[in-house]
Amino acid sequence: MADDREERPLLPMERPALRWLGGFVRPYRGRLAAVLSLSLLSTCLALGQPYLTKLLIDRGLLARRMDAVLVLCAAMLAVALAATALGGLNRMLYIGVSGRILFAVREAVYRHLMTLAPTFYARISGGDLMARLDGDVAEIQRFCVDSLLAGINGVVALAATLALLVSLNWRLSALALVLLPAEVLFLRAMRPRVELHTRRLRERASELGAFFFETIPAVKFVQSVGAEQREASRLHALNDAYLTDLLRLQLVNFATGAVPNLMTSLSG
């Protein structure tokens, strides 16, 4: 048992959080590299479709060359099928590695909980612990896997898109990028609001978890004192609070994505 405890990744309070998360990601870096490579390849194939469309119009339809039209249509179909196949394979690989990292983090947190003193459990409700084991651990996994993959893929996709735009028409590309600094500033300004509403929603989920954890085992007691309606009213209030915060978060997320898209459309 002592050897197992030494080999497990340490918890955040035992060493810096990012190093702790890295302990779960490093064993799967080969699979993550494969997922990233497939994702980048799929992105490049998707970016090739506009270029093939341009060739279809210029060298096929406008030039009235049916042989070129047939060849380019076949190429577009082949690219679409390849991108679909790569996307499916990438999805399966991603789910596998992502699930393994999630379960490893959850098991490490659970093992740590088993070592805590009874005074800790006297301060923290069981529902809150359940919500954190289920929801918060999943968010940590998304941060250390999804954010990494999305960030790298996004940078490469942006660079490839800019290169494609410039190769097609650099004047229109420069016009489309006029509002890019404003979009970046807007996203930076919206980030604290997204974090605030996300944190509030997690707290609401924790409150709901605590309510079910406390009331369901005590159903007989609730019935004995005739408190069914009171507990149902409590649940209704918790649901209303959760829905209110959920709608606020959705509104903030919508504005965060819609405003930059609108700016891009206007600049185009």
C-alpha atoms as a PDB file:
ATOM      1  CA  MET A   1       0.000   0.000   0.000  1.00  0.00           C
ATOM      2  CA  ALA A   2       2.819   2.396   0.811  1.00  0.00           C
ATOM      3  CA  ASP A   3       4.333   1.844  -2.639  1.00  0.00           C
ATOM      4  CA  ASP A   4       1.005   2.559  -4.367  1.00  0.00           C
ATOM      5  CA  ARG A   5       0.635   5.756  -2.417  1.00  0.00           C
ATOM      6  CA  GLU A   6       4.081   6.885  -3.508  1.00  0.00           C
ATOM      7  CA  GLU A   7       3.387   6.204  -7.205  1.00  0.00           C
ATOM      8  CA  ARG A   8       0.061   8.050  -7.468  1.00  0.00           C
ATOM      9  CA  PRO A   9       0.071  11.690  -8.671  1.00  0.00           C
ATOM     10  CA  LEU A  10       0.081  14.061  -5.737  1.00  0.00           C
ATOM     11  CA  LEU A  11      -2.883  16.300  -5.056  1.00  0.00           C
ATOM     12  CA  PRO A  12      -2.794  20.080  -5.750  1.00  0.00           C
ATOM     13  CA  MET A  13      -2.150  20.978  -2.141  1.00  0.00           C
ATOM     14  CA  GLU A  14       0.929  18.736  -2.204  1.00  0.00           C
ATOM     15  CA  ARG A  15       2.514  20.371  -5.251  1.00  0.00           C
ATOM     16  CA  PRO A  16       1.500  23.059  -7.802  1.00  0.00           C
ATOM     17  CA  ALA A  17      -1.820  22.346  -9.505  1.00  0.00           C
ATOM     18  CA  LEU A  18      -0.532  22.330 -13.081  1.00  0.00           C
ATOM     19  CA  ARG A  19       2.218  19.877 -12.226  1.00  0.00           C
ATOM     20  CA  TRP A  20      -0.409  17.721 -10.517  1.00  0.00           C
ATOM     21  CA  LEU A  21      -2.589  17.749 -13.627  1.00  0.00           C
ATOM     22  CA  GLY A  22       0.439  17.019 -15.766  1.00  0.00           C
ATOM     23  CA  GLY A  23       0.935  13.799 -13.834  1.00  0.00           C
ATOM     24  CA  PHE A  24      -2.329  12.501 -15.274  1.00  0.00           C
ATOM     25  CA  VAL A  25      -1.756  13.752 -18.820  1.00  0.00           C
ATOM     26  CA  ARG A  26       1.842  12.615 -19.348  1.00  0.00           C
ATOM     27  CA  PRO A  27       1.090   8.845 -19.474  1.00  0.00           C
ATOM     28  CA  TYR A  28      -1.237   9.493 -22.411  1.00  0.00           C
ATOM     29  CA  ARG A  29       0.838  12.022 -24.343  1.00  0.00           C
ATOM     30  CA  GLY A  30       1.293   9.571 -27.233  1.00  0.00           C
ATOM     31  CA  ARG A  31      -2.439   9.069 -27.641  1.00  0.00           C
ATOM     32  CA  LEU A  32      -3.054  12.789 -27.246  1.00  0.00           C
ATOM     33  CA  ALA A  33      -0.512  13.454 -29.990  1.00  0.00           C
ATOM     34  CA  ALA A  34      -2.409  11.028 -32.236  1.00  0.00           C
ATOM     35  CA  VAL A  35      -5.707  12.755 -31.450  1.00  0.00           C
ATOM     36  CA  LEU A  36      -4.166  16.149 -32.178  1.00  0.00           C
ATOM     37  CA  SER A  37      -2.611  14.941 -35.441  1.00  0.00           C
ATOM     38  CA  LEU A  38      -5.909  13.525 -36.679  1.00  0.00           C
ATOM     39  CA  SER A  39      -7.700  16.714 -35.664  1.00  0.00           C
ATOM     40  CA  LEU A  40      -5.207  18.886 -37.539  1.00  0.00           C
ATOM     41  CA  LEU A  41      -5.393  16.662 -40.604  1.00  0.00           C
ATOM     42  CA  SER A  42      -9.182  16.820 -40.553  1.00  0.00           C
ATOM     43  CA  THR A  43      -9.014  20.618 -40.232  1.00  0.00           C
ATOM     44  CA  CYS A  44      -6.654  20.872 -43.206  1.00  0.00           C
ATOM     45  CA  LEU A  45      -8.982  18.722 -45.287  1.00  0.00           C
ATOM     46  CA  ALA A  46     -11.912  20.949 -44.364  1.00  0.00           C
ATOM     47  CA  LEU A  47      -9.914  24.040 -45.346  1.00  0.00           C
ATOM     48  CA  GLY A  48      -9.182  22.439 -48.704  1.00  0.00           C
ATOM     49  CA  GLN A  49     -12.851  22.478 -49.675  1.00  0.00           C
ATOM     50  CA  PRO A  50     -13.019  26.253 -50.391  1.00  0.00           C
ATOM     51  CA  TYR A  51      -9.925  26.005 -52.577  1.00  0.00           C
ATOM     52  CA  LEU A  52     -11.419  23.100 -54.523  1.00  0.00           C
ATOM     53  CA  THR A  53     -14.638  25.087 -54.909  1.00  0.00           C
ATOM     54  CA  LYS A  54     -12.645  27.984 -56.357  1.00  0.00           C
ATOM     55  CA  LEU A  55     -10.963  25.647 -58.841  1.00  0.00           C
ATOM     56  CA  LEU A  56     -14.320  24.131 -59.736  1.00  0.00           C
ATOM     57  CA  ILE A  57     -15.725  27.547 -60.604  1.00  0.00           C
ATOM     58  CA  ASP A  58     -12.643  28.993 -62.322  1.00  0.00           C
ATOM     59  CA  ARG A  59     -11.251  25.997 -64.189  1.00  0.00           C
ATOM     60  CA  GLY A  60     -14.407  23.971 -64.589  1.00  0.00           C
ATOM     61  CA  LEU A  61     -17.642  25.914 -64.850  1.00  0.00           C
ATOM     62  CA  LEU A  62     -16.303  29.225 -66.213  1.00  0.00           C
ATOM     63  CA  ALA A  63     -13.881  27.462 -68.547  1.00  0.00           C
ATOM     64  CA  ARG A  64     -16.680  25.107 -69.676  1.00  0.00           C
ATOM     65  CA  ARG A  65     -14.510  22.034 -69.116  1.00  0.00           C
ATOM     66  CA  MET A  66     -16.679  19.126 -68.029  1.00  0.00           C
ATOM     67  CA  ASP A  67     -13.663  16.871 -67.507  1.00  0.00           C
ATOM     68  CA  ALA A  68     -12.288  19.305 -64.922  1.00  0.00           C
ATOM     69  CA  VAL A  69     -15.733  19.588 -63.310  1.00  0.00           C
ATOM     70  CA  LEU A  70     -15.959  15.809 -62.902  1.00  0.00           C
ATOM     71  CA  VAL A  71     -12.433  15.516 -61.518  1.00  0.00           C
ATOM     72  CA  LEU A  72     -12.905  18.353 -59.043  1.00  0.00           C
ATOM     73  CA  CYS A  73     -16.311  17.076 -57.911  1.00  0.00           C
ATOM     74  CA  ALA A  74     -14.751  13.655 -57.316  1.00  0.00           C
ATOM     75  CA  ALA A  75     -11.907  15.310 -55.377  1.00  0.00           C
ATOM     76  CA  MET A  76     -14.382  17.265 -53.230  1.00  0.00           C
ATOM     77  CA  LEU A  77     -16.328  14.079 -52.484  1.00  0.00           C
ATOM     78  CA  ALA A  78     -13.130  12.204 -51.594  1.00  0.00           C
ATOM     79  CA  VAL A  79     -11.986  15.000 -49.286  1.00  0.00           C
ATOM     80  CA  ALA A  80     -15.397  15.103 -47.573  1.00  0.00           C
ATOM     81  CA  LEU A  81     -15.414  11.329 -47.041  1.00  0.00           C
ATOM     82  CA  ALA A  82     -11.836  11.371 -45.735  1.00  0.00           C
ATOM     83  CA  ALA A  83     -12.611  14.215 -43.341  1.00  0.00           C
ATOM     84  CA  THR A  84     -15.685  12.344 -42.053  1.00  0.00           C
ATOM     85  CA  ALA A  85     -13.723   9.114 -41.515  1.00  0.00           C
ATOM     86  CA  LEU A  86     -10.897  10.937 -39.758  1.00  0.00           C
ATOM     87  CA  GLY A  87     -13.398  12.780 -37.588  1.00  0.00           C
ATOM     88  CA  GLY A  88     -15.026   9.527 -36.469  1.00  0.00           C
ATOM     89  CA  LEU A  89     -11.689   7.868 -35.712  1.00  0.00           C
ATOM     90  CA  ASN A  90     -10.483  10.955 -33.880  1.00  0.00           C
ATOM     91  CA  ARG A  91     -13.661  11.028 -31.806  1.00  0.00           C
ATOM     92  CA  MET A  92     -13.206   7.429 -30.678  1.00  0.00           C
ATOM     93  CA  LEU A  93      -9.558   7.984 -29.742  1.00  0.00           C
ATOM     94  CA  TYR A  94     -10.402  11.188 -27.902  1.00  0.00           C
ATOM     95  CA  ILE A  95     -13.211   9.628 -25.854  1.00  0.00           C
ATOM     96  CA  GLY A  96     -10.922   6.774 -24.836  1.00  0.00           C
ATOM     97  CA  VAL A  97      -8.005   8.906 -23.642  1.00  0.00           C
ATOM     98  CA  SER A  98     -10.241  11.587 -22.150  1.00  0.00           C
ATOM     99  CA  GLY A  99     -12.190   9.015 -20.148  1.00  0.00           C
ATOM    100  CA  ARG A 100      -9.043   7.404 -18.802  1.00  0.00           C
ATOM    101  CA  ILE A 101      -7.682  10.752 -17.604  1.00  0.00           C
ATOM    102  CA  LEU A 102     -11.033  11.643 -16.028  1.00  0.00           C
ATOM    103  CA  PHE A 103     -11.220   8.368 -14.125  1.00  0.00           C
ATOM    104  CA  ALA A 104      -7.604   8.654 -12.984  1.00  0.00           C
ATOM    105  CA  VAL A 105      -8.235  12.135 -11.554  1.00  0.00           C
ATOM    106  CA  ARG A 106     -11.441  10.997  -9.855  1.00  0.00           C
ATOM    107  CA  GLU A 107      -9.756   7.954  -8.321  1.00  0.00           C
ATOM    108  CA  ALA A 108      -6.892  10.095  -6.994  1.00  0.00           C
ATOM    109  CA  VAL A 109      -9.307  12.547  -5.389  1.00  0.00           C
ATOM    110  CA  TYR A 110     -11.324   9.663  -3.913  1.00  0.00           C
ATOM    111  CA  ARG A 111      -8.209   8.067  -2.431  1.00  0.00           C
ATOM    112  CA  HIS A 112      -7.310  11.408  -0.887  1.00  0.00           C
ATOM    113  CA  LEU A 113     -10.795  11.771   0.618  1.00  0.00           C
ATOM    114  CA  MET A 114     -10.356   8.411   2.295  1.00  0.00           C
ATOM    115  CA  THR A 115      -7.368   9.801   4.231  1.00  0.00           C
ATOM    116  CA  LEU A 116      -9.110  12.899   5.648  1.00  0.00           C
ATOM    117  CA  ALA A 117     -10.118  13.209   9.291  1.00  0.00           C
ATOM    118  CA  PRO A 118     -13.777  13.015  10.438  1.00  0.00           C
ATOM    119  CA  THR A 119     -13.666  16.735  11.270  1.00  0.00           C
ATOM    120  CA  PHE A 120     -13.441  17.480   7.541  1.00  0.00           C
ATOM    121  CA  TYR A 121     -16.676  15.588   6.866  1.00  0.00           C
ATOM    122  CA  ALA A 122     -18.323  17.422   9.736  1.00  0.00           C
ATOM    123  CA  ARG A 123     -17.723  20.717   7.909  1.00  0.00           C
ATOM    124  CA  ILE A 124     -18.490  19.625   4.328  1.00  0.00           C
ATOM    125  CA  SER A 125     -21.849  18.218   3.237  1.00  0.00           C
ATOM    126  CA  GLY A 126     -21.945  14.916   1.413  1.00  0.00           C
ATOM    127  CA  GLY A 127     -23.893  16.471  -1.452  1.00  0.00           C
ATOM    128  CA  ASP A 128     -21.179  19.040  -2.012  1.00  0.00           C
ATOM    129  CA  LEU A 129     -18.560  16.290  -2.156  1.00  0.00           C
ATOM    130  CA  MET A 130     -20.680  14.314  -4.626  1.00  0.00           C
ATOM    131  CA  ALA A 131     -21.097  17.360  -6.856  1.00  0.00           C
ATOM    132  CA  ARG A 132     -17.360  18.000  -6.834  1.00  0.00           C
ATOM    133  CA  LEU A 133     -16.435  14.387  -7.525  1.00  0.00           C
ATOM    134  CA  ASP A 134     -18.906  14.254 -10.390  1.00  0.00           C
ATOM    135  CA  GLY A 135     -18.892  17.766 -11.856  1.00  0.00           C
ATOM    136  CA  ASP A 136     -15.753  19.572 -10.756  1.00  0.00           C
ATOM    137  CA  VAL A 137     -13.433  16.664 -11.521  1.00  0.00           C
ATOM    138  CA  ALA A 138     -14.923  16.479 -15.028  1.00  0.00           C
ATOM    139  CA  GLU A 139     -14.264  20.205 -15.471  1.00  0.00           C
ATOM    140  CA  ILE A 140     -10.641  19.697 -14.415  1.00  0.00           C
ATOM    141  CA  GLN A 141     -10.320  16.918 -16.990  1.00  0.00           C
ATOM    142  CA  ARG A 142     -11.768  19.158 -19.688  1.00  0.00           C
ATOM    143  CA  PHE A 143      -9.312  21.878 -18.754  1.00  0.00           C
ATOM    144  CA  CYS A 144      -6.235  19.692 -18.955  1.00  0.00           C
ATOM    145  CA  VAL A 145      -7.280  17.846 -22.149  1.00  0.00           C
ATOM    146  CA  ASP A 146      -9.854  19.825 -24.122  1.00  0.00           C
ATOM    147  CA  SER A 147      -8.199  23.202 -23.583  1.00  0.00           C
ATOM    148  CA  LEU A 148      -4.803  21.873 -24.640  1.00  0.00           C
ATOM    149  CA  LEU A 149      -6.089  20.216 -27.808  1.00  0.00           C
ATOM    150  CA  ALA A 150      -8.448  23.055 -28.714  1.00  0.00           C
ATOM    151  CA  GLY A 151      -5.741  25.674 -28.187  1.00  0.00           C
ATOM    152  CA  ILE A 152      -3.178  23.980 -30.413  1.00  0.00           C
ATOM    153  CA  ASN A 153      -5.754  23.054 -33.038  1.00  0.00           C
ATOM    154  CA  GLY A 154      -7.174  26.577 -33.001  1.00  0.00           C
ATOM    155  CA  VAL A 155      -3.780  28.201 -33.553  1.00  0.00           C
ATOM    156  CA  VAL A 156      -2.951  25.883 -36.443  1.00  0.00           C
ATOM    157  CA  ALA A 157      -6.415  26.283 -37.970  1.00  0.00           C
ATOM    158  CA  LEU A 158      -6.172  30.074 -37.683  1.00  0.00           C
ATOM    159  CA  ALA A 159      -2.752  30.114 -39.345  1.00  0.00           C
ATOM    160  CA  ALA A 160      -3.932  27.817 -42.152  1.00  0.00           C
ATOM    161  CA  THR A 161      -7.087  29.876 -42.665  1.00  0.00           C
ATOM    162  CA  LEU A 162      -5.127  33.122 -42.858  1.00  0.00           C
ATOM    163  CA  ALA A 163      -2.704  31.560 -45.330  1.00  0.00           C
ATOM    164  CA  LEU A 164      -5.606  30.365 -47.476  1.00  0.00           C
ATOM    165  CA  LEU A 165      -7.322  33.754 -47.385  1.00  0.00           C
ATOM    166  CA  VAL A 166      -4.149  35.603 -48.308  1.00  0.00           C
ATOM    167  CA  SER A 167      -3.456  33.205 -51.186  1.00  0.00           C
ATOM    168  CA  LEU A 168      -6.957  33.733 -52.552  1.00  0.00           C
ATOM    169  CA  ASN A 169      -7.164  37.532 -52.139  1.00  0.00           C
ATOM    170  CA  TRP A 170      -4.923  39.439 -49.742  1.00  0.00           C
ATOM    171  CA  ARG A 171      -6.940  42.680 -50.034  1.00  0.00           C
ATOM    172  CA  LEU A 172     -10.172  41.053 -48.881  1.00  0.00           C
ATOM    173  CA  SER A 173      -8.200  39.221 -46.166  1.00  0.00           C
ATOM    174  CA  ALA A 174      -6.846  42.512 -44.804  1.00  0.00           C
ATOM    175  CA  LEU A 175     -10.370  43.946 -44.778  1.00  0.00           C
ATOM    176  CA  ALA A 176     -11.711  40.936 -42.912  1.00  0.00           C
ATOM    177  CA  LEU A 177      -9.038  41.326 -40.216  1.00  0.00           C
ATOM    178  CA  VAL A 178      -9.731  45.016 -39.506  1.00  0.00           C
ATOM    179  CA  LEU A 179     -11.900  44.288 -36.481  1.00  0.00           C
ATOM    180  CA  LEU A 180      -9.763  41.433 -35.135  1.00  0.00           C
ATOM    181  CA  PRO A 181      -8.155  43.549 -32.338  1.00  0.00           C
ATOM    182  CA  ALA A 182     -11.620  44.676 -31.198  1.00  0.00           C
ATOM    183  CA  GLU A 183     -12.781  41.059 -31.083  1.00  0.00           C
ATOM    184  CA  VAL A 184      -9.796  40.076 -28.947  1.00  0.00           C
ATOM    185  CA  LEU A 185     -10.429  42.931 -26.510  1.00  0.00           C
ATOM    186  CA  PHE A 186     -14.122  42.038 -26.282  1.00  0.00           C
ATOM    187  CA  LEU A 187     -13.335  38.380 -25.499  1.00  0.00           C
ATOM    188  CA  ARG A 188     -10.861  39.423 -22.792  1.00  0.00           C
ATOM    189  CA  ALA A 189     -13.505  41.681 -21.258  1.00  0.00           C
ATOM    190  CA  MET A 190     -16.105  38.880 -21.288  1.00  0.00           C
ATOM    191  CA  ARG A 191     -13.871  36.258 -19.718  1.00  0.00           C
ATOM    192  CA  PRO A 192     -14.401  37.364 -16.060  1.00  0.00           C
ATOM    193  CA  ARG A 193     -18.176  37.316 -16.581  1.00  0.00           C
ATOM    194  CA  VAL A 194     -18.073  33.799 -17.996  1.00  0.00           C
ATOM    195  CA  GLU A 195     -15.964  32.633 -15.047  1.00  0.00           C
ATOM    196  CA  LEU A 196     -18.309  34.323 -12.538  1.00  0.00           C
ATOM    197  CA  HIS A 197     -21.497  32.792 -13.950  1.00  0.00           C
ATOM    198  CA  THR A 198     -19.871  29.383 -14.389  1.00  0.00           C
ATOM    199  CA  ARG A 199     -18.790  29.421 -10.739  1.00  0.00           C
ATOM    200  CA  ARG A 200     -22.295  30.387  -9.624  1.00  0.00           C
ATOM    201  CA  LEU A 201     -23.825  27.575 -11.655  1.00  0.00           C
ATOM    202  CA  ARG A 202     -21.443  25.064 -10.083  1.00  0.00           C
ATOM    203  CA  GLU A 203     -22.492  26.314  -6.638  1.00  0.00           C
ATOM    204  CA  ARG A 204     -26.154  25.837  -7.553  1.00  0.00           C
ATOM    205  CA  ALA A 205     -25.425  22.300  -8.710  1.00  0.00           C
ATOM    206  CA  SER A 206     -23.648  21.657  -5.413  1.00  0.00           C
ATOM    207  CA  GLU A 207     -26.678  22.925  -3.481  1.00  0.00           C
ATOM    208  CA  LEU A 208     -28.969  20.582  -5.412  1.00  0.00           C
ATOM    209  CA  GLY A 209     -26.636  17.669  -4.771  1.00  0.00           C
ATOM    210  CA  ALA A 210     -26.553  18.465  -1.071  1.00  0.00           C
ATOM    211  CA  PHE A 211     -30.371  18.669  -0.965  1.00  0.00           C
ATOM    212  CA  PHE A 212     -30.843  15.206  -2.482  1.00  0.00           C
ATOM    213  CA  PHE A 213     -28.043  13.722  -0.402  1.00  0.00           C
ATOM    214  CA  GLU A 214     -29.602  15.008   2.818  1.00  0.00           C
ATOM    215  CA  THR A 215     -33.304  14.474   2.142  1.00  0.00           C
ATOM    216  CA  ILE A 216     -33.550  11.154   0.300  1.00  0.00           C
ATOM    217  CA  PRO A 217     -32.001   9.064   3.136  1.00  0.00           C
ATOM    218  CA  ALA A 218     -34.287  10.927   5.561  1.00  0.00           C
ATOM    219  CA  VAL A 219     -37.564  10.372   3.693  1.00  0.00           C
ATOM    220  CA  LYS A 220     -39.157   8.485   6.594  1.00  0.00           C
ATOM    221  CA  PHE A 221     -38.336  11.311   8.985  1.00  0.00           C
ATOM    222  CA  VAL A 222     -39.703  13.920   6.570  1.00  0.00           C
ATOM    223  CA  GLN A 223     -42.935  11.937   6.271  1.00  0.00           C
ATOM    224  CA  SER A 224     -43.198  11.477  10.019  1.00  0.00           C
ATOM    225  CA  VAL A 225     -43.165  15.237  10.642  1.00  0.00           C
ATOM    226  CA  GLY A 226     -45.352  16.066   7.653  1.00  0.00           C
ATOM    227  CA  ALA A 227     -42.671  18.127   5.929  1.00  0.00           C
ATOM    228  CA  GLU A 228     -43.172  16.781   2.399  1.00  0.00           C
ATOM    229  CA  GLN A 229     -44.546  20.064   1.042  1.00  0.00           C
ATOM    230  CA  ARG A 230     -41.835  22.108   2.718  1.00  0.00           C
ATOM    231  CA  GLU A 231     -39.072  19.981   1.181  1.00  0.00           C
ATOM    232  CA  ALA A 232     -40.796  20.084  -2.211  1.00  0.00           C
ATOM    233  CA  SER A 233     -40.890  23.879  -1.949  1.00  0.00           C
ATOM    234  CA  ARG A 234     -37.181  23.928  -1.110  1.00  0.00           C
ATOM    235  CA  LEU A 235     -36.447  21.829  -4.187  1.00  0.00           C
ATOM    236  CA  HIS A 236     -38.578  24.150  -6.329  1.00  0.00           C
ATOM    237  CA  ALA A 237     -36.628  27.167  -5.080  1.00  0.00           C
ATOM    238  CA  LEU A 238     -33.293  25.436  -5.739  1.00  0.00           C
ATOM    239  CA  ASN A 239     -34.417  24.494  -9.258  1.00  0.00           C
ATOM    240  CA  ASP A 240     -35.506  28.074  -9.949  1.00  0.00           C
ATOM    241  CA  ALA A 241     -32.159  29.430  -8.752  1.00  0.00           C
ATOM    242  CA  TYR A 242     -30.275  26.893 -10.884  1.00  0.00           C
ATOM    243  CA  LEU A 243     -32.348  27.692 -13.972  1.00  0.00           C
ATOM    244  CA  THR A 244     -31.863  31.439 -13.470  1.00  0.00           C
ATOM    245  CA  ASP A 245     -28.087  31.096 -13.282  1.00  0.00           C
ATOM    246  CA  LEU A 246     -28.087  28.652 -16.200  1.00  0.00           C
ATOM    247  CA  LEU A 247     -29.961  31.123 -18.409  1.00  0.00           C
ATOM    248  CA  ARG A 248     -27.604  33.921 -17.380  1.00  0.00           C
ATOM    249  CA  LEU A 249     -24.595  31.783 -18.287  1.00  0.00           C
ATOM    250  CA  GLN A 250     -26.149  30.845 -21.613  1.00  0.00           C
ATOM    251  CA  LEU A 251     -26.813  34.511 -22.375  1.00  0.00           C
ATOM    252  CA  VAL A 252     -23.224  35.469 -21.570  1.00  0.00           C
ATOM    253  CA  ASN A 253     -21.892  32.562 -23.660  1.00  0.00           C
ATOM    254  CA  PHE A 254     -24.149  33.544 -26.551  1.00  0.00           C
ATOM    255  CA  ALA A 255     -22.946  37.155 -26.443  1.00  0.00           C
ATOM    256  CA  THR A 256     -19.335  35.994 -26.191  1.00  0.00           C
ATOM    257  CA  GLY A 257     -19.662  34.080 -29.443  1.00  0.00           C
ATOM    258  CA  ALA A 258     -22.225  36.200 -31.296  1.00  0.00           C
ATOM    259  CA  VAL A 259     -20.543  39.600 -31.016  1.00  0.00           C
ATOM    260  CA  PRO A 260     -17.184  38.495 -32.535  1.00  0.00           C
ATOM    261  CA  ASN A 261     -19.058  36.644 -35.290  1.00  0.00           C
ATOM    262  CA  LEU A 262     -21.071  39.787 -36.026  1.00  0.00           C
ATOM    263  CA  MET A 263     -17.885  41.858 -36.159  1.00  0.00           C
ATOM    264  CA  THR A 264     -16.344  39.360 -38.580  1.00  0.00           C
ATOM    265  CA  SER A 265     -19.428  39.485 -40.800  1.00  0.00           C
ATOM    266  CA  LEU A 266     -19.405  43.291 -40.826  1.00  0.00           C
ATOM    267  CA  SER A 267     -15.706  43.464 -41.660  1.00  0.00           C
ATOM    268  CA  GLY A 268     -16.255  40.995 -44.499  1.00  0.00           C
END
